[in-house]
Amino acid sequence: MIRLFILLACLASVAAAQSKPETDLRLMMNGFEGRFDNYQQVIEEKESTAEFPHEHIHSIFARVNLPRENVFYVKQYMDGDEAKTTNKHERAQFF
């Protein structure tokens, strides 16, 4: 989650500098690959008794080497358990 925040902050600073869209996309793609987890958000929402707490989701974004650029394999699973992966959470994402 922290990596995602850093990525968004970088994108905002690049946008403020009015860079070219190709540069923005390249910057975003450089930070897009990795493992992301919202566990801390889930714990904080449970402690604060949030009305609509998020589910615990772990996401894996892996670059796929295909002729088309910016293709990622995305796998998401629930509650930190890879056995709780469903087909709707596994896909290729194109940018």
N, C-alpha and C. Protein backbone atom coordinates (compact mmCIF):
# COMPACT_ATOMS: atom_id res chain seq x y z
N MET A 1 0.82 -1.17 0.00
CA MET A 1 0.00 0.00 0.00
C MET A 1 0.88 1.25 0.00
N ILE A 2 1.98 1.20 0.74
CA ILE A 2 2.90 2.34 0.77
C ILE A 2 3.49 2.57 -0.61
N ARG A 3 3.85 1.46 -1.30
CA ARG A 3 4.41 1.60 -2.64
C ARG A 3 3.42 2.27 -3.58
N LEU A 4 2.15 1.94 -3.42
CA LEU A 4 1.12 2.55 -4.26
C LEU A 4 1.01 4.05 -3.97
N PHE A 5 1.08 4.42 -2.70
CA PHE A 5 1.04 5.83 -2.33
C PHE A 5 2.23 6.58 -2.93
N ILE A 6 3.41 6.00 -2.84
CA ILE A 6 4.61 6.62 -3.40
C ILE A 6 4.45 6.78 -4.91
N LEU A 7 3.93 5.76 -5.55
CA LEU A 7 3.72 5.82 -6.99
C LEU A 7 2.76 6.96 -7.34
N LEU A 8 1.67 7.08 -6.61
CA LEU A 8 0.71 8.14 -6.89
C LEU A 8 1.31 9.52 -6.63
N ALA A 9 2.13 9.63 -5.59
CA ALA A 9 2.79 10.91 -5.31
C ALA A 9 3.75 11.28 -6.43
N CYS A 10 4.47 10.29 -6.95
CA CYS A 10 5.38 10.54 -8.07
C CYS A 10 4.60 10.98 -9.30
N LEU A 11 3.49 10.31 -9.55
CA LEU A 11 2.68 10.68 -10.71
C LEU A 11 2.14 12.09 -10.58
N ALA A 12 1.75 12.46 -9.38
CA ALA A 12 1.23 13.81 -9.17
C ALA A 12 2.31 14.86 -9.41
N SER A 13 3.53 14.57 -8.96
CA SER A 13 4.60 15.54 -9.16
C SER A 13 4.99 15.64 -10.62
N VAL A 14 4.93 14.52 -11.32
CA VAL A 14 5.24 14.54 -12.75
C VAL A 14 4.15 15.31 -13.49
N ALA A 15 2.90 15.09 -13.13
CA ALA A 15 1.80 15.80 -13.78
C ALA A 15 1.90 17.30 -13.53
N ALA A 16 2.32 17.66 -12.35
CA ALA A 16 2.47 19.08 -12.04
C ALA A 16 3.54 19.73 -12.91
N ALA A 17 4.52 18.96 -13.30
CA ALA A 17 5.59 19.48 -14.16
C ALA A 17 5.16 19.48 -15.63
N GLN A 18 3.94 19.05 -15.91
CA GLN A 18 3.38 19.01 -17.26
C GLN A 18 4.26 18.23 -18.23
N SER A 19 4.62 17.03 -17.82
CA SER A 19 5.43 16.18 -18.68
C SER A 19 4.56 15.53 -19.75
N LYS A 20 5.20 14.87 -20.68
CA LYS A 20 4.50 14.20 -21.77
C LYS A 20 3.79 12.95 -21.25
N PRO A 21 2.65 12.59 -21.84
CA PRO A 21 1.93 11.38 -21.41
C PRO A 21 2.79 10.12 -21.46
N GLU A 22 3.66 10.00 -22.46
CA GLU A 22 4.51 8.82 -22.57
C GLU A 22 5.44 8.71 -21.36
N THR A 23 5.92 9.85 -20.89
CA THR A 23 6.79 9.86 -19.72
C THR A 23 6.01 9.44 -18.48
N ASP A 24 4.80 9.94 -18.35
CA ASP A 24 3.95 9.58 -17.22
C ASP A 24 3.66 8.08 -17.20
N LEU A 25 3.32 7.54 -18.36
CA LEU A 25 3.01 6.12 -18.44
C LEU A 25 4.24 5.28 -18.09
N ARG A 26 5.40 5.65 -18.61
CA ARG A 26 6.63 4.91 -18.32
C ARG A 26 6.94 4.93 -16.82
N LEU A 27 6.77 6.07 -16.18
CA LEU A 27 6.99 6.19 -14.74
C LEU A 27 6.02 5.30 -13.97
N MET A 28 4.76 5.32 -14.36
CA MET A 28 3.76 4.50 -13.68
C MET A 28 4.07 3.01 -13.85
N MET A 29 4.44 2.61 -15.04
CA MET A 29 4.73 1.20 -15.31
C MET A 29 5.95 0.71 -14.53
N ASN A 30 6.92 1.59 -14.30
CA ASN A 30 8.11 1.19 -13.54
C ASN A 30 7.78 0.83 -12.11
N GLY A 31 6.76 1.44 -11.53
CA GLY A 31 6.40 1.15 -10.15
C GLY A 31 5.20 0.24 -10.01
N PHE A 32 4.66 -0.22 -11.12
CA PHE A 32 3.42 -1.00 -11.08
C PHE A 32 3.64 -2.46 -10.72
N GLU A 33 4.79 -3.00 -11.09
CA GLU A 33 5.06 -4.42 -10.85
C GLU A 33 5.37 -4.65 -9.37
N GLY A 34 4.81 -5.71 -8.81
CA GLY A 34 5.11 -6.04 -7.42
C GLY A 34 3.94 -6.69 -6.71
N ARG A 35 4.11 -6.80 -5.40
CA ARG A 35 3.08 -7.38 -4.53
C ARG A 35 2.53 -6.26 -3.66
N PHE A 36 1.21 -6.22 -3.57
CA PHE A 36 0.55 -5.17 -2.80
C PHE A 36 -0.49 -5.81 -1.89
N ASP A 37 -0.63 -5.27 -0.70
CA ASP A 37 -1.51 -5.86 0.30
C ASP A 37 -2.16 -4.73 1.10
N ASN A 38 -3.43 -4.87 1.41
CA ASN A 38 -4.13 -3.84 2.18
C ASN A 38 -4.40 -4.28 3.63
N TYR A 39 -3.57 -5.17 4.16
CA TYR A 39 -3.79 -5.72 5.50
C TYR A 39 -3.86 -4.61 6.56
N GLN A 40 -2.95 -3.64 6.50
CA GLN A 40 -2.95 -2.57 7.49
C GLN A 40 -4.26 -1.78 7.45
N GLN A 41 -4.77 -1.54 6.26
CA GLN A 41 -6.04 -0.84 6.12
C GLN A 41 -7.17 -1.64 6.77
N VAL A 42 -7.17 -2.95 6.56
CA VAL A 42 -8.20 -3.81 7.13
C VAL A 42 -8.16 -3.76 8.66
N ILE A 43 -6.97 -3.86 9.24
CA ILE A 43 -6.82 -3.82 10.70
C ILE A 43 -7.30 -2.47 11.25
N GLU A 44 -6.87 -1.38 10.63
CA GLU A 44 -7.28 -0.05 11.10
C GLU A 44 -8.78 0.13 11.02
N GLU A 45 -9.40 -0.38 9.97
CA GLU A 45 -10.85 -0.24 9.84
C GLU A 45 -11.59 -1.09 10.87
N LYS A 46 -11.04 -2.27 11.19
CA LYS A 46 -11.68 -3.09 12.23
C LYS A 46 -11.58 -2.41 13.59
N GLU A 47 -10.41 -1.84 13.87
CA GLU A 47 -10.21 -1.16 15.16
C GLU A 47 -11.10 0.07 15.29
N SER A 48 -11.35 0.75 14.19
CA SER A 48 -12.17 1.96 14.23
C SER A 48 -13.65 1.65 14.03
N THR A 49 -13.98 0.38 13.91
CA THR A 49 -15.34 -0.09 13.64
C THR A 49 -15.97 0.66 12.46
N ALA A 50 -15.25 0.66 11.35
CA ALA A 50 -15.73 1.31 10.13
C ALA A 50 -17.05 0.67 9.69
N GLU A 51 -17.92 1.48 9.14
CA GLU A 51 -19.22 0.99 8.72
C GLU A 51 -19.11 -0.02 7.58
N PHE A 52 -18.22 0.26 6.62
CA PHE A 52 -18.04 -0.63 5.47
C PHE A 52 -16.56 -0.97 5.32
N PRO A 53 -16.04 -1.87 6.16
CA PRO A 53 -14.61 -2.19 6.11
C PRO A 53 -14.24 -2.94 4.82
N HIS A 54 -13.03 -2.70 4.36
CA HIS A 54 -12.52 -3.39 3.18
C HIS A 54 -12.21 -4.84 3.49
N GLU A 55 -12.26 -5.68 2.48
CA GLU A 55 -11.82 -7.06 2.61
C GLU A 55 -10.30 -7.09 2.45
N HIS A 56 -9.66 -8.09 3.05
CA HIS A 56 -8.21 -8.23 2.94
C HIS A 56 -7.89 -8.83 1.57
N ILE A 57 -7.21 -8.05 0.73
CA ILE A 57 -6.87 -8.48 -0.62
C ILE A 57 -5.37 -8.36 -0.82
N HIS A 58 -4.77 -9.41 -1.34
CA HIS A 58 -3.35 -9.40 -1.70
C HIS A 58 -3.29 -9.46 -3.22
N SER A 59 -2.52 -8.56 -3.83
CA SER A 59 -2.44 -8.48 -5.29
C SER A 59 -1.00 -8.67 -5.75
N ILE A 60 -0.86 -9.38 -6.84
CA ILE A 60 0.45 -9.58 -7.47
C ILE A 60 0.34 -9.09 -8.91
N PHE A 61 1.20 -8.16 -9.29
CA PHE A 61 1.26 -7.64 -10.65
C PHE A 61 2.62 -8.02 -11.22
N ALA A 62 2.63 -8.84 -12.27
CA ALA A 62 3.87 -9.30 -12.88
C ALA A 62 3.87 -8.94 -14.36
N ARG A 63 4.92 -8.29 -14.81
CA ARG A 63 5.04 -7.90 -16.21
C ARG A 63 5.12 -9.17 -17.08
N VAL A 64 4.41 -9.16 -18.20
CA VAL A 64 4.40 -10.28 -19.14
C VAL A 64 5.14 -9.82 -20.39
N ASN A 65 6.08 -10.62 -20.83
CA ASN A 65 6.88 -10.27 -22.00
C ASN A 65 6.14 -10.67 -23.28
N LEU A 66 5.40 -9.72 -23.84
CA LEU A 66 4.65 -9.92 -25.07
C LEU A 66 4.98 -8.79 -26.04
N PRO A 67 4.70 -8.97 -27.31
CA PRO A 67 4.98 -7.89 -28.27
C PRO A 67 4.30 -6.58 -27.90
N ARG A 68 3.12 -6.64 -27.35
CA ARG A 68 2.44 -5.42 -26.91
C ARG A 68 3.06 -4.97 -25.59
N GLU A 69 3.30 -3.68 -25.45
CA GLU A 69 3.91 -3.15 -24.24
C GLU A 69 2.91 -3.08 -23.09
N ASN A 70 3.44 -3.02 -21.89
CA ASN A 70 2.65 -2.77 -20.68
C ASN A 70 1.56 -3.80 -20.45
N VAL A 71 1.93 -5.05 -20.48
CA VAL A 71 1.00 -6.15 -20.19
C VAL A 71 1.42 -6.76 -18.87
N PHE A 72 0.47 -6.90 -17.96
CA PHE A 72 0.74 -7.46 -16.65
C PHE A 72 -0.20 -8.62 -16.37
N TYR A 73 0.32 -9.64 -15.74
CA TYR A 73 -0.49 -10.71 -15.20
C TYR A 73 -0.87 -10.26 -13.79
N VAL A 74 -2.15 -10.32 -13.49
CA VAL A 74 -2.64 -9.87 -12.18
C VAL A 74 -3.29 -11.05 -11.46
N LYS A 75 -2.84 -11.28 -10.23
CA LYS A 75 -3.44 -12.32 -9.40
C LYS A 75 -3.81 -11.68 -8.07
N GLN A 76 -5.05 -11.89 -7.66
CA GLN A 76 -5.50 -11.37 -6.38
C GLN A 76 -6.13 -12.49 -5.57
N TYR A 77 -5.84 -12.48 -4.28
CA TYR A 77 -6.48 -13.48 -3.42
C TYR A 77 -6.86 -12.84 -2.09
N MET A 78 -7.76 -13.51 -1.41
CA MET A 78 -8.39 -12.96 -0.21
C MET A 78 -7.76 -13.51 1.06
N ASP A 79 -7.78 -12.70 2.11
CA ASP A 79 -7.40 -13.09 3.47
C ASP A 79 -6.00 -13.68 3.57
N GLY A 80 -5.10 -13.33 2.66
CA GLY A 80 -3.74 -13.84 2.71
C GLY A 80 -3.62 -15.31 2.36
N ASP A 81 -4.66 -15.88 1.75
CA ASP A 81 -4.69 -17.31 1.44
C ASP A 81 -4.78 -17.50 -0.07
N GLU A 82 -3.69 -17.97 -0.68
CA GLU A 82 -3.67 -18.13 -2.14
C GLU A 82 -4.71 -19.12 -2.64
N ALA A 83 -5.20 -19.97 -1.78
CA ALA A 83 -6.25 -20.92 -2.17
C ALA A 83 -7.58 -20.20 -2.40
N LYS A 84 -7.69 -18.98 -1.92
CA LYS A 84 -8.93 -18.21 -2.09
C LYS A 84 -8.89 -17.34 -3.34
N THR A 85 -8.16 -17.80 -4.35
CA THR A 85 -8.11 -17.10 -5.63
C THR A 85 -9.25 -17.61 -6.50
N THR A 86 -9.92 -16.68 -7.16
CA THR A 86 -10.96 -17.08 -8.09
C THR A 86 -10.57 -16.61 -9.48
N ASN A 87 -11.16 -17.19 -10.50
CA ASN A 87 -10.85 -16.82 -11.88
C ASN A 87 -11.09 -15.34 -12.13
N LYS A 88 -12.07 -14.77 -11.51
CA LYS A 88 -12.36 -13.36 -11.76
C LYS A 88 -11.24 -12.46 -11.23
N HIS A 89 -10.37 -13.00 -10.39
CA HIS A 89 -9.26 -12.21 -9.86
C HIS A 89 -7.94 -12.48 -10.57
N GLU A 90 -7.93 -13.37 -11.57
CA GLU A 90 -6.71 -13.62 -12.34
C GLU A 90 -6.95 -13.16 -13.76
N ARG A 91 -6.08 -12.27 -14.24
CA ARG A 91 -6.30 -11.74 -15.58
C ARG A 91 -5.04 -11.05 -16.08
N ALA A 92 -5.04 -10.77 -17.36
CA ALA A 92 -3.98 -9.94 -17.94
C ALA A 92 -4.53 -8.53 -18.04
N GLN A 93 -3.71 -7.57 -17.70
CA GLN A 93 -4.12 -6.17 -17.72
C GLN A 93 -3.25 -5.44 -18.74
N PHE A 94 -3.88 -4.72 -19.65
CA PHE A 94 -3.16 -3.98 -20.70
C PHE A 94 -3.23 -2.50 -20.42
N PHE A 95 -2.13 -1.80 -20.64
CA PHE A 95 -2.10 -0.35 -20.48
C PHE A 95 -1.56 0.28 -21.74
